Amino acid sequence: MDSIDSQQFLTNVATNIVEDSAKNAWNKIKKFFKDLDTKDSIRYKTAYEKYLINTKQKVSKIKTIIYRRAPKDLYSFYECIGVRYNGNTINTENINDILKVGNKIIVTGTGGVGKSILFKHLFLNTVAETEYIPVLIELRSFNIYDVKDISIYTAIYKCLVDNGFELSEEYFEYSLREGAYIIFFDGYDEVNRDKTEKITSEIKALSEKYGENKFFISSRPSEEFIGWNDFCEVETLKLNKQQALNLVKKLEFDEVVKDTFYKELDRTLYDKYESFASNPLLLNIMLLTFQKHASIPERLNDFYDEAFVTLFNVHDATKDSYVRDIRSGLGCEDFKLVFSYICFKSYFNGEFQFSESRIRFYIQQAKEKFDRFNFTVENFQEDLTQSVCMLVKEGGTYRFSHRSFQEYFAAWYTCKLVDDVQAKLLLNWIQESDSVFSDSYFTMLFDLQSEKVNKIILCPILKEVKKLYLQYGFSIDLLNILFKGMKFTKRLNGEEMRYSTSLTIKNQYLCYGLMLNNRKR
């Protein structure tokens, strides 16, 4: 059996398992719907099977950087990533192994590691391996709502009903109280800032009121989760070398290029570029850039830049190297400039997903900013989704094919600002942002212009610290000036005096900057 046939065989096996499980699913979950008469039992059995069929169609097929044209079956290329909890590795092939951790779980990991695909797998696995009803909620879908209209309870009920499981609300509430559900909240980090507080309070309230259910949340790492006392945080693991090789082998791609890349990945590339090759998204982009250049850039910034050029100039393999038409008429560098401005503006507005009118607003802003370019909003919008694939359209909303592209191009555009504007912008951002340590933006900016960051941010802070040190020496008074919110103690006549403090904005930047410098050594 050749590799393509074996992949198809494994896909069919996984699909059949889910389909067979769906047929018997009602028998597993009907205990959560007591006192149903025969008629209602038959009706709900049919409705639940319909729900599973509808959601399976949506969850099991996805598009990726490689599969941009038509969605592929998840299990035709999925490589199961593990998670770590309290130092122990947990296999995610069977959701029951993760549920041993607890009923409330936050799954954190860096961008591109595969959290969303993991949740799709766990959704399907819930049907096959458990007696619970799976519900998948993409939290970014709330970005188009007014804060007052956001209701997690309503969203879960609507997800069930819209996909065919037309429960009466009375039975829905009853089944929630009985603990019938495993609810997956995907992409907490993709919620716009003005919605985060409401989403947080809604999830916490729901998980407390209906604590018999199982709750999963995916996100990039955040210090905010320290305050989620009822939730256990598990960390996604990166691909090891064998997993990376397995993933490449499963991909449908030019066989000659894939075979060469596979051998080079095994021989030297994984060890040399482990930070790229251990991340599923970046590994896919590595393959694309290898196809064009037969090499991989050394630095992360160069990697993203080359990835963009590759996607801009990508050849359609089905059309004898026909280069897709760029409708806006812009060359690669001009298109990059306009796109980077859109990334810059949206990133600092805390927006990661857009309505039709909002993405047009940003394109129009960029068009007015660079009025020397002659393009229409409609054509540029089509290029972003169809030609360059930087945005993905889902229903009436648009999102970045991956947020790391937004962060890279926001940093790239920041470099074009004059020093004074940069300094003011960055210090204000630190003051307002709670994602300084979890986003890649500042790391990318530092790599792009480390000398300037040292000059406009770190050096002035160090001079200020030196001046304070000369004035106060190393004392509690100095610590009080530098910090606010941490606790320092000194003794006065044998009695303790406590100072309540917290790290100031400038010194957060100083500490983060020093972390970056240490990372580079």
Protein backbone atom coordinates (compact mmCIF):
# COMPACT_ATOMS: atom_id res chain seq x y z
CA MET A 1 0.00 0.00 0.00
CA ASP A 2 1.60 3.31 -1.03
CA SER A 3 1.69 6.35 1.26
CA ILE A 4 -1.35 8.09 -0.23
CA ASP A 5 -3.44 4.91 -0.03
CA SER A 6 -2.36 4.27 3.56
CA GLN A 7 -3.21 7.85 4.54
CA GLN A 8 -6.64 7.45 2.97
CA PHE A 9 -7.10 4.16 4.80
CA LEU A 10 -6.30 5.76 8.16
CA THR A 11 -8.62 8.66 7.36
CA ASN A 12 -11.43 6.26 6.52
CA VAL A 13 -10.86 4.30 9.74
CA ALA A 14 -11.03 7.50 11.84
CA THR A 15 -14.12 8.68 9.95
CA ASN A 16 -15.89 5.34 10.34
CA ILE A 17 -15.20 5.28 14.08
CA VAL A 18 -16.84 8.69 14.47
CA GLU A 19 -19.79 7.74 12.24
CA ASP A 20 -20.36 4.45 14.09
CA SER A 21 -20.18 6.30 17.39
CA ALA A 22 -22.74 8.83 16.15
CA LYS A 23 -25.23 6.04 15.44
CA ASN A 24 -25.04 4.86 19.05
CA ALA A 25 -24.60 8.33 20.55
CA TRP A 26 -28.17 8.78 21.76
CA ASN A 27 -28.01 5.65 23.87
CA LYS A 28 -25.00 7.14 25.66
CA ILE A 29 -26.50 10.53 26.42
CA LYS A 30 -30.26 9.90 26.84
CA LYS A 31 -29.70 9.49 30.61
CA PHE A 32 -29.32 13.29 30.73
CA PHE A 33 -32.89 13.73 29.43
CA LYS A 34 -35.06 11.93 31.95
CA ASP A 35 -38.84 11.60 31.77
CA LEU A 36 -39.00 11.75 27.98
CA ASP A 37 -42.01 10.00 26.53
CA THR A 38 -41.50 7.61 23.61
CA LYS A 39 -42.36 10.21 21.00
CA ASP A 40 -39.94 12.82 22.37
CA SER A 41 -37.23 10.20 22.81
CA ILE A 42 -37.43 9.23 19.14
CA ARG A 43 -37.54 12.88 18.08
CA TYR A 44 -34.52 13.86 20.16
CA LYS A 45 -32.59 10.79 19.07
CA THR A 46 -33.04 11.83 15.44
CA ALA A 47 -32.22 15.45 16.27
CA TYR A 48 -29.01 14.52 18.10
CA GLU A 49 -27.81 12.33 15.26
CA LYS A 50 -28.50 15.23 12.91
CA TYR A 51 -26.47 17.54 15.18
CA LEU A 52 -23.51 15.16 15.12
CA ILE A 53 -23.63 14.81 11.34
CA ASN A 54 -23.80 18.58 10.83
CA THR A 55 -21.05 19.43 13.30
CA LYS A 56 -18.80 16.62 12.07
CA GLN A 57 -18.94 18.08 8.57
CA LYS A 58 -17.85 21.46 9.92
CA VAL A 59 -15.24 20.23 12.39
CA SER A 60 -13.57 17.40 10.49
CA LYS A 61 -12.64 19.36 7.34
CA ILE A 62 -10.33 22.37 7.52
CA LYS A 63 -8.21 24.64 5.37
CA THR A 64 -4.54 25.32 6.11
CA ILE A 65 -1.66 27.28 4.63
CA ILE A 66 -0.97 24.23 2.43
CA TYR A 67 -4.62 23.42 1.70
CA ARG A 68 -5.90 26.88 0.83
CA ARG A 69 -8.27 25.96 -1.99
CA ALA A 70 -10.37 23.11 -0.65
CA PRO A 71 -10.73 21.85 2.93
CA LYS A 72 -9.10 18.54 3.77
CA ASP A 73 -10.16 15.88 6.23
CA LEU A 74 -8.47 16.59 9.54
CA TYR A 75 -7.32 13.03 10.07
CA SER A 76 -5.63 12.85 6.68
CA PHE A 77 -2.77 14.97 8.03
CA TYR A 78 -3.34 15.48 11.77
CA GLU A 79 -0.39 14.74 14.03
CA CYS A 80 -1.54 14.48 17.64
CA ILE A 81 0.29 16.90 19.95
CA GLY A 82 0.69 16.15 23.64
CA VAL A 83 0.13 18.43 26.62
CA ARG A 84 2.04 18.84 29.88
CA TYR A 85 0.55 19.22 33.34
CA ASN A 86 2.59 19.47 36.55
CA GLY A 87 5.63 18.18 34.69
CA ASN A 88 3.83 15.12 33.33
CA THR A 89 3.14 14.54 29.63
CA ILE A 90 -0.42 13.59 28.68
CA ASN A 91 -1.30 11.95 25.37
CA THR A 92 -4.24 13.73 23.69
CA GLU A 93 -5.34 10.89 21.42
CA ASN A 94 -8.06 9.99 23.93
CA ILE A 95 -9.84 12.85 25.67
CA ASN A 96 -10.41 10.72 28.77
CA ASP A 97 -6.69 10.96 29.55
CA ILE A 98 -6.96 14.76 29.71
CA LEU A 99 -10.20 14.69 31.71
CA LYS A 100 -8.27 12.98 34.51
CA VAL A 101 -6.71 16.41 35.17
CA GLY A 102 -10.09 17.96 36.01
CA ASN A 103 -13.40 19.27 34.71
CA LYS A 104 -12.11 22.77 33.92
CA ILE A 105 -9.02 22.98 31.74
CA ILE A 106 -7.17 25.82 30.02
CA VAL A 107 -5.01 24.64 27.11
CA THR A 108 -2.25 27.16 26.41
CA GLY A 109 0.37 27.25 23.69
CA THR A 110 2.20 29.60 21.34
CA GLY A 111 0.77 30.66 17.99
CA GLY A 112 0.66 27.96 15.34
CA VAL A 113 1.18 25.03 17.69
CA GLY A 114 -2.20 23.58 16.74
CA LYS A 115 -4.59 24.39 19.60
CA SER A 116 -7.62 24.86 17.33
CA ILE A 117 -6.99 21.62 15.46
CA LEU A 118 -6.49 19.86 18.79
CA PHE A 119 -9.93 21.08 19.90
CA LYS A 120 -11.49 19.80 16.67
CA HIS A 121 -9.91 16.41 17.32
CA LEU A 122 -11.11 16.41 20.94
CA PHE A 123 -14.62 17.33 19.77
CA LEU A 124 -14.73 14.30 17.46
CA ASN A 125 -13.05 12.13 20.07
CA THR A 126 -15.72 13.08 22.62
CA VAL A 127 -18.32 11.38 20.43
CA ALA A 128 -16.20 8.26 19.99
CA GLU A 129 -14.85 7.85 23.52
CA THR A 130 -17.24 9.46 26.01
CA GLU A 131 -20.87 9.70 27.05
CA TYR A 132 -21.00 13.48 26.75
CA ILE A 133 -22.35 15.95 24.20
CA PRO A 134 -19.56 18.01 22.58
CA VAL A 135 -20.06 21.71 21.82
CA LEU A 136 -17.41 23.83 20.08
CA ILE A 137 -17.63 27.62 20.45
CA GLU A 138 -15.15 29.83 18.58
CA LEU A 139 -14.80 32.79 20.93
CA ARG A 140 -13.73 35.17 18.17
CA SER A 141 -17.32 34.94 16.88
CA PHE A 142 -18.32 37.27 19.74
CA ASN A 143 -16.15 40.09 18.38
CA ILE A 144 -19.00 41.28 16.15
CA TYR A 145 -21.43 41.55 19.10
CA ASP A 146 -22.04 44.50 21.37
CA VAL A 147 -20.83 43.66 24.86
CA LYS A 148 -24.37 43.82 26.26
CA ASP A 149 -25.52 41.15 23.78
CA ILE A 150 -22.87 38.54 24.66
CA SER A 151 -24.28 35.45 26.37
CA ILE A 152 -22.29 32.19 26.54
CA TYR A 153 -25.38 30.29 27.71
CA THR A 154 -27.36 31.49 24.68
CA ALA A 155 -24.45 30.77 22.32
CA ILE A 156 -24.24 27.13 23.46
CA TYR A 157 -28.00 26.64 23.10
CA LYS A 158 -27.99 28.32 19.69
CA CYS A 159 -25.07 26.12 18.54
CA LEU A 160 -27.09 23.00 19.40
CA VAL A 161 -30.33 24.18 17.81
CA ASP A 162 -28.75 25.69 14.68
CA ASN A 163 -27.00 22.39 13.98
CA GLY A 164 -30.12 20.28 14.31
CA PHE A 165 -30.38 19.36 18.01
CA GLU A 166 -33.61 21.26 18.56
CA LEU A 167 -34.02 20.86 22.31
CA SER A 168 -36.62 22.77 24.21
CA GLU A 169 -34.88 25.29 26.46
CA GLU A 170 -36.32 23.49 29.46
CA TYR A 171 -34.54 20.26 28.51
CA PHE A 172 -31.37 22.16 27.59
CA GLU A 173 -31.16 23.77 31.02
CA TYR A 174 -31.95 20.44 32.68
CA SER A 175 -29.18 18.66 30.74
CA LEU A 176 -26.72 21.40 31.71
CA ARG A 177 -27.57 20.88 35.38
CA GLU A 178 -27.04 17.15 34.90
CA GLY A 179 -23.57 17.70 33.40
CA ALA A 180 -24.24 16.41 29.87
CA TYR A 181 -21.67 18.51 28.00
CA ILE A 182 -18.03 18.91 27.15
CA ILE A 183 -17.79 22.52 26.00
CA PHE A 184 -14.78 23.70 24.02
CA PHE A 185 -14.12 27.48 24.00
CA ASP A 186 -11.53 27.99 21.29
CA GLY A 187 -9.34 31.10 20.89
CA TYR A 188 -9.71 33.11 24.10
CA ASP A 189 -6.69 35.16 22.99
CA GLU A 190 -8.51 36.13 19.77
CA VAL A 191 -11.27 37.99 21.59
CA ASN A 192 -11.07 41.74 21.08
CA ARG A 193 -9.95 43.57 24.22
CA ASP A 194 -13.24 45.37 24.77
CA LYS A 195 -15.05 42.00 24.93
CA THR A 196 -12.57 40.07 27.11
CA GLU A 197 -13.96 41.08 30.50
CA LYS A 198 -17.52 40.09 29.54
CA ILE A 199 -16.41 36.78 27.99
CA THR A 200 -14.36 35.98 31.10
CA SER A 201 -17.20 36.67 33.52
CA GLU A 202 -19.65 34.69 31.36
CA ILE A 203 -17.42 31.59 31.19
CA LYS A 204 -16.63 31.70 34.90
CA ALA A 205 -20.28 32.15 35.86
CA LEU A 206 -21.44 29.32 33.58
CA SER A 207 -18.72 26.92 34.79
CA GLU A 208 -19.60 27.67 38.41
CA LYS A 209 -23.37 27.32 37.99
CA TYR A 210 -23.15 24.16 35.87
CA GLY A 211 -19.99 22.66 37.33
CA GLU A 212 -20.91 19.05 36.48
CA ASN A 213 -20.01 19.71 32.83
CA LYS A 214 -16.49 19.69 31.37
CA PHE A 215 -14.99 22.98 30.16
CA PHE A 216 -11.98 23.47 27.87
CA ILE A 217 -10.49 26.85 26.89
CA SER A 218 -7.66 27.37 24.39
CA SER A 219 -5.44 30.44 24.41
CA ARG A 220 -1.94 31.74 24.18
CA PRO A 221 -0.26 31.86 27.60
CA SER A 222 -1.41 34.74 29.79
CA GLU A 223 -0.78 35.82 33.36
CA GLU A 224 -4.51 36.47 33.59
CA PHE A 225 -5.16 32.75 34.03
CA ILE A 226 -3.46 32.83 37.44
CA GLY A 227 -6.75 34.24 38.72
CA TRP A 228 -8.83 31.39 37.22
CA ASN A 229 -8.63 29.38 40.43
CA ASP A 230 -11.03 26.61 39.39
CA PHE A 231 -9.23 25.88 36.12
CA CYS A 232 -6.17 23.68 35.58
CA GLU A 233 -3.74 24.97 32.95
CA VAL A 234 -2.09 22.46 30.63
CA GLU A 235 0.63 23.43 28.16
CA THR A 236 0.70 22.14 24.59
CA LEU A 237 3.90 20.40 23.57
CA LYS A 238 5.76 21.11 20.37
CA LEU A 239 6.33 18.51 17.69
CA ASN A 240 9.32 16.29 18.32
CA LYS A 241 11.45 15.30 15.35
CA GLN A 242 9.53 12.13 14.56
CA GLN A 243 6.18 13.93 14.77
CA ALA A 244 7.46 16.66 12.43
CA LEU A 245 8.58 14.04 9.93
CA ASN A 246 5.24 12.24 10.23
CA LEU A 247 3.36 15.46 9.54
CA VAL A 248 5.40 16.24 6.42
CA LYS A 249 4.90 12.69 5.16
CA LYS A 250 1.11 13.00 5.49
CA LEU A 251 0.83 16.27 3.53
CA GLU A 252 -0.37 16.25 -0.05
CA PHE A 253 2.38 18.20 -1.80
CA ASP A 254 4.75 18.00 -4.75
CA GLU A 255 6.24 14.57 -4.10
CA VAL A 256 9.75 15.42 -5.30
CA VAL A 257 9.93 18.59 -3.17
CA LYS A 258 8.36 16.85 -0.17
CA ASP A 259 10.74 13.90 -0.37
CA THR A 260 13.79 16.18 -0.55
CA PHE A 261 12.51 18.34 2.30
CA TYR A 262 11.72 15.24 4.39
CA LYS A 263 15.26 13.94 4.01
CA GLU A 264 16.81 17.33 4.79
CA LEU A 265 14.50 17.75 7.79
CA ASP A 266 15.62 14.39 9.09
CA ARG A 267 19.29 15.02 8.35
CA THR A 268 19.86 18.61 9.55
CA LEU A 269 16.89 20.98 9.28
CA TYR A 270 14.94 19.90 12.36
CA ASP A 271 17.95 20.19 14.65
CA LYS A 272 19.09 23.47 13.11
CA TYR A 273 15.64 25.11 13.01
CA GLU A 274 13.86 23.38 15.86
CA SER A 275 11.92 26.51 16.85
CA PHE A 276 10.34 26.50 13.37
CA ALA A 277 10.14 22.77 12.67
CA SER A 278 8.50 21.93 16.01
CA ASN A 279 5.57 24.26 15.27
CA PRO A 280 2.99 22.78 12.83
CA LEU A 281 2.14 26.12 11.18
CA LEU A 282 5.76 27.16 10.75
CA LEU A 283 6.68 23.68 9.54
CA ASN A 284 4.08 24.03 6.77
CA ILE A 285 5.54 27.41 5.84
CA MET A 286 9.04 25.89 5.92
CA LEU A 287 7.91 23.42 3.28
CA LEU A 288 6.50 26.22 1.11
CA THR A 289 9.64 28.33 1.37
CA PHE A 290 11.85 25.29 0.77
CA GLN A 291 9.91 24.62 -2.43
CA LYS A 292 10.83 28.07 -3.71
CA HIS A 293 14.34 28.63 -2.33
CA ALA A 294 15.60 25.17 -1.35
CA SER A 295 16.77 26.78 1.93
CA ILE A 296 15.37 28.18 5.19
CA PRO A 297 16.12 31.67 6.59
CA GLU A 298 18.09 31.81 9.84
CA ARG A 299 16.02 34.39 11.75
CA LEU A 300 12.30 34.33 12.61
CA ASN A 301 11.74 37.74 11.02
CA ASP A 302 13.42 36.70 7.78
CA PHE A 303 11.35 33.53 7.89
CA TYR A 304 8.05 35.44 8.02
CA ASP A 305 9.19 37.89 5.37
CA GLU A 306 10.15 35.10 3.03
CA ALA A 307 6.93 33.25 3.83
CA PHE A 308 4.95 36.31 2.75
CA VAL A 309 6.92 36.59 -0.51
CA THR A 310 6.35 32.88 -1.11
CA LEU A 311 2.60 33.20 -0.57
CA PHE A 312 2.46 36.36 -2.70
CA ASN A 313 4.18 34.63 -5.59
CA VAL A 314 2.83 31.14 -4.98
CA HIS A 315 2.28 28.99 -8.06
CA ASP A 316 -0.89 27.03 -8.57
CA ALA A 317 0.35 23.47 -9.00
CA THR A 318 -2.70 22.53 -11.04
CA LYS A 319 -2.09 25.18 -13.68
CA ASP A 320 1.48 24.59 -14.88
CA SER A 321 3.13 27.28 -12.73
CA TYR A 322 0.52 29.92 -13.50
CA VAL A 323 1.06 32.82 -11.09
CA ARG A 324 -2.25 33.95 -9.61
CA ASP A 325 -3.36 37.38 -10.65
CA ILE A 326 -2.92 40.18 -8.09
CA ARG A 327 -6.10 42.16 -8.72
CA SER A 328 -4.90 45.29 -6.93
CA GLY A 329 -2.03 45.56 -9.42
CA LEU A 330 0.50 46.14 -6.62
CA GLY A 331 3.97 44.63 -6.60
CA CYS A 332 5.12 42.51 -3.68
CA GLU A 333 6.86 45.32 -1.71
CA ASP A 334 4.04 47.83 -2.23
CA PHE A 335 1.43 45.27 -1.26
CA LYS A 336 3.48 44.44 1.84
CA LEU A 337 3.61 48.11 2.85
CA VAL A 338 -0.15 48.55 2.58
CA PHE A 339 -0.84 45.27 4.35
CA SER A 340 1.62 46.06 7.15
CA TYR A 341 -0.19 49.35 7.82
CA ILE A 342 -3.47 47.42 8.16
CA CYS A 343 -1.79 44.98 10.55
CA PHE A 344 -0.26 47.85 12.53
CA LYS A 345 -3.52 49.75 12.95
CA SER A 346 -5.62 46.69 13.78
CA TYR A 347 -3.03 45.24 16.18
CA PHE A 348 -2.85 48.39 18.26
CA ASN A 349 -6.64 48.57 18.25
CA GLY A 350 -6.70 45.04 19.66
CA GLU A 351 -8.65 43.68 16.68
CA PHE A 352 -7.91 40.24 15.26
CA GLN A 353 -11.17 39.58 13.41
CA PHE A 354 -13.20 41.91 11.21
CA SER A 355 -16.67 42.35 9.82
CA GLU A 356 -17.02 43.12 6.12
CA SER A 357 -17.35 46.84 6.82
CA ARG A 358 -14.44 46.86 9.29
CA ILE A 359 -11.90 45.27 6.96
CA ARG A 360 -13.00 47.68 4.23
CA PHE A 361 -12.50 50.54 6.69
CA TYR A 362 -8.89 49.50 7.33
CA ILE A 363 -8.16 49.05 3.63
CA GLN A 364 -9.63 52.48 2.92
CA GLN A 365 -7.44 53.97 5.66
CA ALA A 366 -4.37 52.40 4.05
CA LYS A 367 -5.46 53.59 0.60
CA GLU A 368 -5.67 57.17 1.90
CA LYS A 369 -2.35 56.81 3.73
CA PHE A 370 -0.56 55.65 0.58
CA ASP A 371 -2.44 57.67 -2.00
CA ARG A 372 0.37 57.21 -4.54
CA PHE A 373 -0.89 53.66 -5.07
CA ASN A 374 -3.81 53.18 -7.40
CA PHE A 375 -5.98 50.28 -6.25
CA THR A 376 -9.58 49.70 -5.21
CA VAL A 377 -10.69 48.55 -1.78
CA GLU A 378 -12.58 45.63 -3.35
CA ASN A 379 -9.56 44.33 -5.29
CA PHE A 380 -7.19 44.58 -2.33
CA GLN A 381 -9.71 42.81 -0.13
CA GLU A 382 -9.97 39.99 -2.67
CA ASP A 383 -6.18 39.74 -2.88
CA LEU A 384 -5.92 39.35 0.90
CA THR A 385 -8.26 36.36 0.90
CA GLN A 386 -7.82 34.78 -2.54
CA SER A 387 -4.35 35.59 -3.87
CA VAL A 388 -2.01 36.15 -0.92
CA CYS A 389 -4.10 34.25 1.65
CA MET A 390 -3.28 36.55 4.56
CA LEU A 391 -6.95 36.64 5.59
CA VAL A 392 -9.49 33.85 5.85
CA LYS A 393 -13.17 34.57 5.29
CA GLU A 394 -15.65 32.59 7.38
CA GLY A 395 -19.26 33.54 6.83
CA GLY A 396 -19.42 37.32 7.12
CA THR A 397 -16.19 37.72 9.10
CA TYR A 398 -12.50 37.89 8.26
CA ARG A 399 -9.53 36.77 10.36
CA PHE A 400 -5.79 36.47 9.81
CA SER A 401 -4.70 33.10 8.43
CA HIS A 402 -2.59 33.22 11.56
CA ARG A 403 -2.16 36.01 14.10
CA SER A 404 1.62 35.72 13.91
CA PHE A 405 1.43 37.39 10.49
CA GLN A 406 -0.40 40.35 12.03
CA GLU A 407 2.22 40.65 14.77
CA TYR A 408 5.16 40.41 12.38
CA PHE A 409 3.87 43.02 9.95
CA ALA A 410 2.76 45.32 12.79
CA ALA A 411 6.35 45.19 14.07
CA TRP A 412 7.70 45.65 10.54
CA TYR A 413 5.64 48.82 10.08
CA THR A 414 6.59 50.12 13.55
CA CYS A 415 10.21 50.17 12.39
CA LYS A 416 9.28 52.82 9.82
CA LEU A 417 8.16 55.29 12.49
CA VAL A 418 10.53 57.99 13.76
CA ASP A 419 12.09 57.48 17.19
CA ASP A 420 9.88 59.88 19.16
CA VAL A 421 6.69 58.44 17.72
CA GLN A 422 7.89 54.90 18.37
CA ALA A 423 8.80 55.64 21.98
CA LYS A 424 5.42 57.24 22.72
CA LEU A 425 3.52 54.49 20.94
CA LEU A 426 5.33 51.64 22.67
CA LEU A 427 5.12 53.07 26.17
CA ASN A 428 1.39 53.72 25.75
CA TRP A 429 0.96 50.18 24.44
CA ILE A 430 2.70 48.72 27.50
CA GLN A 431 0.39 50.70 29.73
CA GLU A 432 -2.77 49.43 28.04
CA SER A 433 -1.80 45.92 26.89
CA ASP A 434 -1.98 42.75 28.94
CA SER A 435 -0.32 40.64 26.23
CA VAL A 436 3.23 42.02 26.29
CA PHE A 437 4.71 38.72 27.42
CA SER A 438 2.46 36.39 25.40
CA ASP A 439 2.51 38.08 21.98
CA SER A 440 5.42 37.83 19.56
CA TYR A 441 5.16 41.49 18.52
CA PHE A 442 7.83 42.95 20.79
CA THR A 443 10.22 40.04 20.27
CA MET A 444 9.93 40.53 16.52
CA LEU A 445 10.37 44.30 16.86
CA PHE A 446 13.48 43.82 18.97
CA ASP A 447 14.95 41.42 16.39
CA LEU A 448 14.17 43.86 13.58
CA GLN A 449 15.74 46.89 15.29
CA SER A 450 17.47 45.90 18.51
CA GLU A 451 19.78 48.94 18.51
CA LYS A 452 16.86 51.35 18.20
CA VAL A 453 14.88 49.63 20.98
CA ASN A 454 17.97 49.91 23.18
CA LYS A 455 18.36 53.57 22.23
CA ILE A 456 14.79 54.83 22.59
CA ILE A 457 13.52 52.58 25.40
CA LEU A 458 16.16 50.76 27.40
CA CYS A 459 18.93 53.38 27.59
CA PRO A 460 16.69 56.19 28.91
CA ILE A 461 15.30 53.82 31.55
CA LEU A 462 18.77 52.66 32.61
CA LYS A 463 19.93 56.28 32.89
CA GLU A 464 16.92 57.02 35.08
CA VAL A 465 17.64 54.00 37.29
CA LYS A 466 21.29 55.05 37.60
CA LYS A 467 20.31 58.58 38.62
CA LEU A 468 17.90 57.25 41.26
CA TYR A 469 20.53 54.83 42.55
CA LEU A 470 23.07 57.66 43.00
CA GLN A 471 20.43 59.63 44.85
CA TYR A 472 19.01 56.93 47.13
CA GLY A 473 21.51 54.06 47.05
CA PHE A 474 20.07 50.54 47.19
CA SER A 475 17.29 51.08 49.71
CA ILE A 476 13.59 50.59 50.31
CA ASP A 477 13.10 54.17 49.08
CA LEU A 478 14.68 53.26 45.73
CA LEU A 479 12.52 50.12 45.44
CA ASN A 480 9.40 52.17 46.20
CA ILE A 481 10.19 54.49 43.31
CA LEU A 482 11.01 51.72 40.86
CA PHE A 483 8.17 49.37 41.81
CA LYS A 484 4.50 49.45 42.73
CA GLY A 485 2.45 46.37 43.81
CA MET A 486 5.18 43.99 44.95
CA LYS A 487 5.79 43.66 48.70
CA PHE A 488 9.04 44.80 50.34
CA THR A 489 9.77 44.78 54.07
CA LYS A 490 12.22 46.62 56.26
CA ARG A 491 12.61 46.53 60.04
CA LEU A 492 12.30 49.68 62.13
CA ASN A 493 13.08 49.33 65.84
CA GLY A 494 12.43 45.61 65.59
CA GLU A 495 9.01 46.05 63.97
CA GLU A 496 8.24 45.12 60.37
CA MET A 497 7.07 47.85 57.99
CA ARG A 498 5.51 46.62 54.74
CA TYR A 499 5.50 48.47 51.43
CA SER A 500 2.79 47.49 48.94
CA THR A 501 4.08 48.06 45.40
CA SER A 502 3.78 47.00 41.68
CA LEU A 503 6.17 47.04 38.76
CA THR A 504 5.88 50.38 36.99
CA ILE A 505 5.19 50.64 33.28
CA LYS A 506 8.69 51.77 32.34
CA ASN A 507 10.34 49.05 34.33
CA GLN A 508 8.11 46.36 32.89
CA TYR A 509 9.65 47.43 29.61
CA LEU A 510 13.12 47.44 31.13
CA CYS A 511 12.69 43.93 32.53
CA TYR A 512 11.25 42.65 29.27
CA GLY A 513 14.03 44.28 27.31
CA LEU A 514 16.64 42.67 29.52
CA MET A 515 14.89 39.33 29.03
CA LEU A 516 15.20 39.76 25.28
CA ASN A 517 18.87 40.63 25.54
CA ASN A 518 19.48 37.55 27.68
CA ARG A 519 17.59 35.39 25.19
CA LYS A 520 19.85 36.54 22.36
CA ARG A 521 23.09 35.75 24.20
